[in-house]
Protein backbone atom coordinates (compact mmCIF):
# COMPACT_ATOMS: atom_id res chain seq x y z
CA UNK A 1 0.00 0.00 0.00
CA UNK A 2 3.01 2.24 0.42
CA UNK A 3 3.66 2.02 -3.32
CA UNK A 4 0.02 2.84 -4.01
CA UNK A 5 0.30 5.90 -1.79
CA UNK A 6 3.36 6.99 -3.76
CA UNK A 7 1.51 6.61 -7.05
CA UNK A 8 -1.45 8.58 -5.70
CA UNK A 9 0.82 11.31 -4.38
CA UNK A 10 2.49 11.58 -7.78
CA UNK A 11 -0.87 11.76 -9.56
CA UNK A 12 -2.06 14.51 -7.25
CA UNK A 13 1.05 16.66 -7.55
CA UNK A 14 2.05 16.09 -11.17
CA UNK A 15 -0.05 16.31 -14.28
CA UNK A 16 0.57 12.94 -15.92
CA UNK A 17 0.06 12.61 -19.66
CA UNK A 18 -2.89 10.36 -20.65
CA UNK A 19 -0.71 7.27 -21.25
CA UNK A 20 1.05 7.68 -17.91
CA UNK A 21 -2.29 8.21 -16.16
CA UNK A 22 -3.61 5.04 -17.80
CA UNK A 23 -0.54 3.13 -16.57
CA UNK A 24 -0.97 4.60 -13.10
CA UNK A 25 -4.65 3.63 -12.93
CA UNK A 26 -3.84 0.12 -14.18
CA UNK A 27 -1.10 -0.14 -11.54
CA UNK A 28 -3.60 0.79 -8.83
CA UNK A 29 -6.14 -1.73 -10.19
CA UNK A 30 -3.51 -4.49 -10.14
CA UNK A 31 -2.47 -3.61 -6.58
CA UNK A 32 -6.09 -3.61 -5.44
CA UNK A 33 -6.61 -6.98 -7.11
CA UNK A 34 -3.70 -8.37 -5.09
CA UNK A 35 -5.17 -6.98 -1.88
CA UNK A 36 -8.57 -8.51 -2.66
CA UNK A 37 -6.99 -11.88 -3.47
CA UNK A 38 -5.05 -11.87 -0.20
CA UNK A 39 -8.23 -11.00 1.73
CA UNK A 40 -9.98 -13.97 0.11
CA UNK A 41 -7.02 -16.21 0.92
CA UNK A 42 -7.06 -15.17 4.57
CA UNK A 43 -10.80 -15.44 5.00
CA UNK A 44 -10.86 -18.82 3.29
CA UNK A 45 -8.36 -20.14 5.81
CA UNK A 46 -10.39 -18.75 8.71
CA UNK A 47 -13.62 -20.21 7.36
CA UNK A 48 -12.03 -23.67 7.08
CA UNK A 49 -11.31 -23.37 10.81
CA UNK A 50 -14.84 -22.21 11.59
CA UNK A 51 -14.02 -18.53 12.24
CA UNK A 52 -17.00 -17.28 10.22
CA UNK A 53 -17.52 -14.02 12.11
CA UNK A 54 -13.85 -13.10 11.95
CA UNK A 55 -13.79 -13.82 8.20
CA UNK A 56 -16.93 -11.76 7.59
CA UNK A 57 -15.59 -8.80 9.58
CA UNK A 58 -12.29 -8.88 7.74
CA UNK A 59 -14.01 -9.11 4.36
CA UNK A 60 -16.26 -6.19 5.32
CA UNK A 61 -13.27 -4.11 6.47
CA UNK A 62 -11.55 -4.56 3.08
CA UNK A 63 -14.62 -4.37 0.84
CA UNK A 64 -13.48 -0.95 -0.40
CA UNK A 65 -10.48 -2.52 -2.14
CA UNK A 66 -12.59 -4.76 -4.35
CA UNK A 67 -15.09 -1.98 -5.08
CA UNK A 68 -12.27 0.41 -6.03
CA UNK A 69 -10.64 -2.22 -8.23
CA UNK A 70 -13.89 -2.85 -10.06
CA UNK A 71 -14.46 0.87 -10.58
CA UNK A 72 -10.92 1.35 -11.90
CA UNK A 73 -11.29 -1.67 -14.18
CA UNK A 74 -14.52 -0.28 -15.57
CA UNK A 75 -12.91 3.11 -16.22
CA UNK A 76 -9.92 1.46 -17.89
CA UNK A 77 -12.10 -0.73 -20.10
CA UNK A 78 -14.10 2.27 -21.27
CA UNK A 79 -11.06 4.56 -21.57
CA UNK A 80 -12.68 7.06 -19.18
CA UNK A 81 -9.62 8.60 -17.52
CA UNK A 82 -11.79 11.17 -15.74
CA UNK A 83 -13.77 8.45 -13.97
CA UNK A 84 -10.53 6.62 -13.17
CA UNK A 85 -9.00 9.78 -11.72
CA UNK A 86 -12.08 10.22 -9.55
CA UNK A 87 -11.71 6.68 -8.21
CA UNK A 88 -8.02 7.39 -7.55
CA UNK A 89 -9.00 10.50 -5.58
CA UNK A 90 -11.40 8.43 -3.48
CA UNK A 91 -8.69 5.81 -3.03
CA UNK A 92 -6.35 8.55 -1.84
CA UNK A 93 -8.81 9.34 0.93
CA UNK A 94 -8.91 5.65 1.94
CA UNK A 95 -5.10 5.58 2.09
CA UNK A 96 -4.69 9.00 3.73
CA UNK A 97 -2.71 7.59 6.64
CA UNK A 98 -0.25 5.69 4.44
CA UNK A 99 2.92 7.61 3.70
CA UNK A 100 5.06 6.91 0.62
CA UNK A 101 8.61 5.75 1.23
CA UNK A 102 11.32 8.34 1.20
CA UNK A 103 13.13 8.17 -2.13
CA UNK A 104 10.10 6.72 -3.91
CA UNK A 105 9.28 10.14 -5.31
CA UNK A 106 11.27 9.66 -8.52
CA UNK A 107 10.46 5.99 -9.08
CA UNK A 108 7.52 5.18 -11.30
CA UNK A 109 6.67 1.49 -10.83
CA UNK A 110 3.44 1.96 -12.78
CA UNK A 111 5.25 2.25 -16.12
CA UNK A 112 3.90 -0.45 -18.41
CA UNK A 113 1.16 -1.49 -15.98
CA UNK A 114 -1.53 -1.08 -18.62
CA UNK A 115 -0.06 -4.01 -20.58
CA UNK A 116 0.05 -6.19 -17.46
CA UNK A 117 -3.52 -5.23 -16.59
CA UNK A 118 -4.74 -5.94 -20.12
CA UNK A 119 -2.99 -9.34 -20.04
CA UNK A 120 -4.84 -10.17 -16.83
CA UNK A 121 -8.12 -9.07 -18.39
CA UNK A 122 -7.50 -11.20 -21.47
CA UNK A 123 -6.69 -14.20 -19.26
CA UNK A 124 -10.06 -13.81 -17.56
CA UNK A 125 -8.98 -12.28 -14.26
CA UNK A 126 -11.58 -10.46 -12.23
CA UNK A 127 -11.96 -6.80 -12.76
C-alpha atoms as a PDB file:
ATOM      1  CA  UNK A   1       0.000   0.000   0.000  1.00  0.00           C
ATOM      2  CA  UNK A   2       3.008   2.242   0.422  1.00  0.00           C
ATOM      3  CA  UNK A   3       3.656   2.020  -3.316  1.00  0.00           C
ATOM      4  CA  UNK A   4       0.021   2.842  -4.010  1.00  0.00           C
ATOM      5  CA  UNK A   5       0.300   5.901  -1.787  1.00  0.00           C
ATOM      6  CA  UNK A   6       3.361   6.991  -3.760  1.00  0.00           C
ATOM      7  CA  UNK A   7       1.508   6.612  -7.046  1.00  0.00           C
ATOM      8  CA  UNK A   8      -1.450   8.576  -5.700  1.00  0.00           C
ATOM      9  CA  UNK A   9       0.822  11.306  -4.383  1.00  0.00           C
ATOM     10  CA  UNK A  10       2.488  11.576  -7.778  1.00  0.00           C
ATOM     11  CA  UNK A  11      -0.865  11.756  -9.561  1.00  0.00           C
ATOM     12  CA  UNK A  12      -2.061  14.506  -7.245  1.00  0.00           C
ATOM     13  CA  UNK A  13       1.054  16.662  -7.552  1.00  0.00           C
ATOM     14  CA  UNK A  14       2.047  16.087 -11.173  1.00  0.00           C
ATOM     15  CA  UNK A  15      -0.046  16.307 -14.282  1.00  0.00           C
ATOM     16  CA  UNK A  16       0.572  12.939 -15.920  1.00  0.00           C
ATOM     17  CA  UNK A  17       0.058  12.605 -19.656  1.00  0.00           C
ATOM     18  CA  UNK A  18      -2.893  10.362 -20.653  1.00  0.00           C
ATOM     19  CA  UNK A  19      -0.709   7.268 -21.245  1.00  0.00           C
ATOM     20  CA  UNK A  20       1.052   7.682 -17.912  1.00  0.00           C
ATOM     21  CA  UNK A  21      -2.292   8.210 -16.165  1.00  0.00           C
ATOM     22  CA  UNK A  22      -3.608   5.035 -17.800  1.00  0.00           C
ATOM     23  CA  UNK A  23      -0.544   3.125 -16.566  1.00  0.00           C
ATOM     24  CA  UNK A  24      -0.967   4.603 -13.099  1.00  0.00           C
ATOM     25  CA  UNK A  25      -4.652   3.626 -12.933  1.00  0.00           C
ATOM     26  CA  UNK A  26      -3.835   0.122 -14.179  1.00  0.00           C
ATOM     27  CA  UNK A  27      -1.098  -0.136 -11.542  1.00  0.00           C
ATOM     28  CA  UNK A  28      -3.598   0.789  -8.832  1.00  0.00           C
ATOM     29  CA  UNK A  29      -6.135  -1.726 -10.191  1.00  0.00           C
ATOM     30  CA  UNK A  30      -3.512  -4.494 -10.144  1.00  0.00           C
ATOM     31  CA  UNK A  31      -2.475  -3.612  -6.583  1.00  0.00           C
ATOM     32  CA  UNK A  32      -6.092  -3.607  -5.439  1.00  0.00           C
ATOM     33  CA  UNK A  33      -6.612  -6.985  -7.107  1.00  0.00           C
ATOM     34  CA  UNK A  34      -3.696  -8.373  -5.092  1.00  0.00           C
ATOM     35  CA  UNK A  35      -5.167  -6.981  -1.883  1.00  0.00           C
ATOM     36  CA  UNK A  36      -8.566  -8.512  -2.665  1.00  0.00           C
ATOM     37  CA  UNK A  37      -6.991 -11.877  -3.471  1.00  0.00           C
ATOM     38  CA  UNK A  38      -5.051 -11.865  -0.201  1.00  0.00           C
ATOM     39  CA  UNK A  39      -8.228 -11.004   1.726  1.00  0.00           C
ATOM     40  CA  UNK A  40      -9.979 -13.967   0.114  1.00  0.00           C
ATOM     41  CA  UNK A  41      -7.024 -16.210   0.918  1.00  0.00           C
ATOM     42  CA  UNK A  42      -7.059 -15.174   4.572  1.00  0.00           C
ATOM     43  CA  UNK A  43     -10.800 -15.437   4.999  1.00  0.00           C
ATOM     44  CA  UNK A  44     -10.859 -18.820   3.291  1.00  0.00           C
ATOM     45  CA  UNK A  45      -8.356 -20.141   5.810  1.00  0.00           C
ATOM     46  CA  UNK A  46     -10.386 -18.747   8.710  1.00  0.00           C
ATOM     47  CA  UNK A  47     -13.616 -20.213   7.361  1.00  0.00           C
ATOM     48  CA  UNK A  48     -12.034 -23.666   7.081  1.00  0.00           C
ATOM     49  CA  UNK A  49     -11.305 -23.372  10.810  1.00  0.00           C
ATOM     50  CA  UNK A  50     -14.835 -22.211  11.594  1.00  0.00           C
ATOM     51  CA  UNK A  51     -14.022 -18.535  12.239  1.00  0.00           C
ATOM     52  CA  UNK A  52     -17.001 -17.276  10.223  1.00  0.00           C
ATOM     53  CA  UNK A  53     -17.519 -14.022  12.111  1.00  0.00           C
ATOM     54  CA  UNK A  54     -13.846 -13.101  11.946  1.00  0.00           C
ATOM     55  CA  UNK A  55     -13.794 -13.821   8.201  1.00  0.00           C
ATOM     56  CA  UNK A  56     -16.927 -11.756   7.588  1.00  0.00           C
ATOM     57  CA  UNK A  57     -15.588  -8.799   9.580  1.00  0.00           C
ATOM     58  CA  UNK A  58     -12.290  -8.883   7.742  1.00  0.00           C
ATOM     59  CA  UNK A  59     -14.015  -9.106   4.359  1.00  0.00           C
ATOM     60  CA  UNK A  60     -16.259  -6.193   5.320  1.00  0.00           C
ATOM     61  CA  UNK A  61     -13.268  -4.113   6.471  1.00  0.00           C
ATOM     62  CA  UNK A  62     -11.553  -4.562   3.083  1.00  0.00           C
ATOM     63  CA  UNK A  63     -14.621  -4.367   0.839  1.00  0.00           C
ATOM     64  CA  UNK A  64     -13.479  -0.950  -0.399  1.00  0.00           C
ATOM     65  CA  UNK A  65     -10.477  -2.524  -2.136  1.00  0.00           C
ATOM     66  CA  UNK A  66     -12.593  -4.756  -4.353  1.00  0.00           C
ATOM     67  CA  UNK A  67     -15.089  -1.978  -5.082  1.00  0.00           C
ATOM     68  CA  UNK A  68     -12.269   0.405  -6.026  1.00  0.00           C
ATOM     69  CA  UNK A  69     -10.636  -2.219  -8.229  1.00  0.00           C
ATOM     70  CA  UNK A  70     -13.894  -2.854 -10.056  1.00  0.00           C
ATOM     71  CA  UNK A  71     -14.457   0.875 -10.583  1.00  0.00           C
ATOM     72  CA  UNK A  72     -10.921   1.352 -11.903  1.00  0.00           C
ATOM     73  CA  UNK A  73     -11.286  -1.666 -14.181  1.00  0.00           C
ATOM     74  CA  UNK A  74     -14.523  -0.277 -15.566  1.00  0.00           C
ATOM     75  CA  UNK A  75     -12.913   3.114 -16.219  1.00  0.00           C
ATOM     76  CA  UNK A  76      -9.915   1.462 -17.894  1.00  0.00           C
ATOM     77  CA  UNK A  77     -12.098  -0.733 -20.102  1.00  0.00           C
ATOM     78  CA  UNK A  78     -14.101   2.271 -21.270  1.00  0.00           C
ATOM     79  CA  UNK A  79     -11.064   4.558 -21.566  1.00  0.00           C
ATOM     80  CA  UNK A  80     -12.677   7.062 -19.182  1.00  0.00           C
ATOM     81  CA  UNK A  81      -9.623   8.596 -17.525  1.00  0.00           C
ATOM     82  CA  UNK A  82     -11.785  11.166 -15.737  1.00  0.00           C
ATOM     83  CA  UNK A  83     -13.768   8.447 -13.975  1.00  0.00           C
ATOM     84  CA  UNK A  84     -10.529   6.617 -13.175  1.00  0.00           C
ATOM     85  CA  UNK A  85      -8.998   9.782 -11.722  1.00  0.00           C
ATOM     86  CA  UNK A  86     -12.080  10.223  -9.547  1.00  0.00           C
ATOM     87  CA  UNK A  87     -11.710   6.680  -8.211  1.00  0.00           C
ATOM     88  CA  UNK A  88      -8.024   7.394  -7.551  1.00  0.00           C
ATOM     89  CA  UNK A  89      -9.000  10.497  -5.585  1.00  0.00           C
ATOM     90  CA  UNK A  90     -11.397   8.427  -3.476  1.00  0.00           C
ATOM     91  CA  UNK A  91      -8.690   5.815  -3.033  1.00  0.00           C
ATOM     92  CA  UNK A  92      -6.345   8.548  -1.836  1.00  0.00           C
ATOM     93  CA  UNK A  93      -8.811   9.340   0.929  1.00  0.00           C
ATOM     94  CA  UNK A  94      -8.906   5.652   1.941  1.00  0.00           C
ATOM     95  CA  UNK A  95      -5.096   5.584   2.092  1.00  0.00           C
ATOM     96  CA  UNK A  96      -4.694   9.002   3.725  1.00  0.00           C
ATOM     97  CA  UNK A  97      -2.711   7.586   6.644  1.00  0.00           C
ATOM     98  CA  UNK A  98      -0.252   5.692   4.444  1.00  0.00           C
ATOM     99  CA  UNK A  99       2.924   7.610   3.697  1.00  0.00           C
ATOM    100  CA  UNK A 100       5.056   6.907   0.618  1.00  0.00           C
ATOM    101  CA  UNK A 101       8.609   5.747   1.227  1.00  0.00           C
ATOM    102  CA  UNK A 102      11.324   8.344   1.198  1.00  0.00           C
ATOM    103  CA  UNK A 103      13.127   8.175  -2.130  1.00  0.00           C
ATOM    104  CA  UNK A 104      10.101   6.719  -3.913  1.00  0.00           C
ATOM    105  CA  UNK A 105       9.279  10.140  -5.313  1.00  0.00           C
ATOM    106  CA  UNK A 106      11.270   9.656  -8.519  1.00  0.00           C
ATOM    107  CA  UNK A 107      10.460   5.986  -9.084  1.00  0.00           C
ATOM    108  CA  UNK A 108       7.517   5.181 -11.303  1.00  0.00           C
ATOM    109  CA  UNK A 109       6.669   1.494 -10.831  1.00  0.00           C
ATOM    110  CA  UNK A 110       3.437   1.958 -12.784  1.00  0.00           C
ATOM    111  CA  UNK A 111       5.248   2.247 -16.120  1.00  0.00           C
ATOM    112  CA  UNK A 112       3.900  -0.446 -18.411  1.00  0.00           C
ATOM    113  CA  UNK A 113       1.159  -1.490 -15.981  1.00  0.00           C
ATOM    114  CA  UNK A 114      -1.526  -1.075 -18.625  1.00  0.00           C
ATOM    115  CA  UNK A 115      -0.064  -4.013 -20.581  1.00  0.00           C
ATOM    116  CA  UNK A 116       0.052  -6.188 -17.462  1.00  0.00           C
ATOM    117  CA  UNK A 117      -3.516  -5.227 -16.590  1.00  0.00           C
ATOM    118  CA  UNK A 118      -4.739  -5.945 -20.119  1.00  0.00           C
ATOM    119  CA  UNK A 119      -2.990  -9.342 -20.036  1.00  0.00           C
ATOM    120  CA  UNK A 120      -4.837 -10.170 -16.827  1.00  0.00           C
ATOM    121  CA  UNK A 121      -8.121  -9.069 -18.386  1.00  0.00           C
ATOM    122  CA  UNK A 122      -7.503 -11.204 -21.467  1.00  0.00           C
ATOM    123  CA  UNK A 123      -6.691 -14.196 -19.258  1.00  0.00           C
ATOM    124  CA  UNK A 124     -10.063 -13.806 -17.562  1.00  0.00           C
ATOM    125  CA  UNK A 125      -8.980 -12.276 -14.263  1.00  0.00           C
ATOM    126  CA  UNK A 126     -11.580 -10.455 -12.229  1.00  0.00           C
ATOM    127  CA  UNK A 127     -11.955  -6.802 -12.756  1.00  0.00           C
END
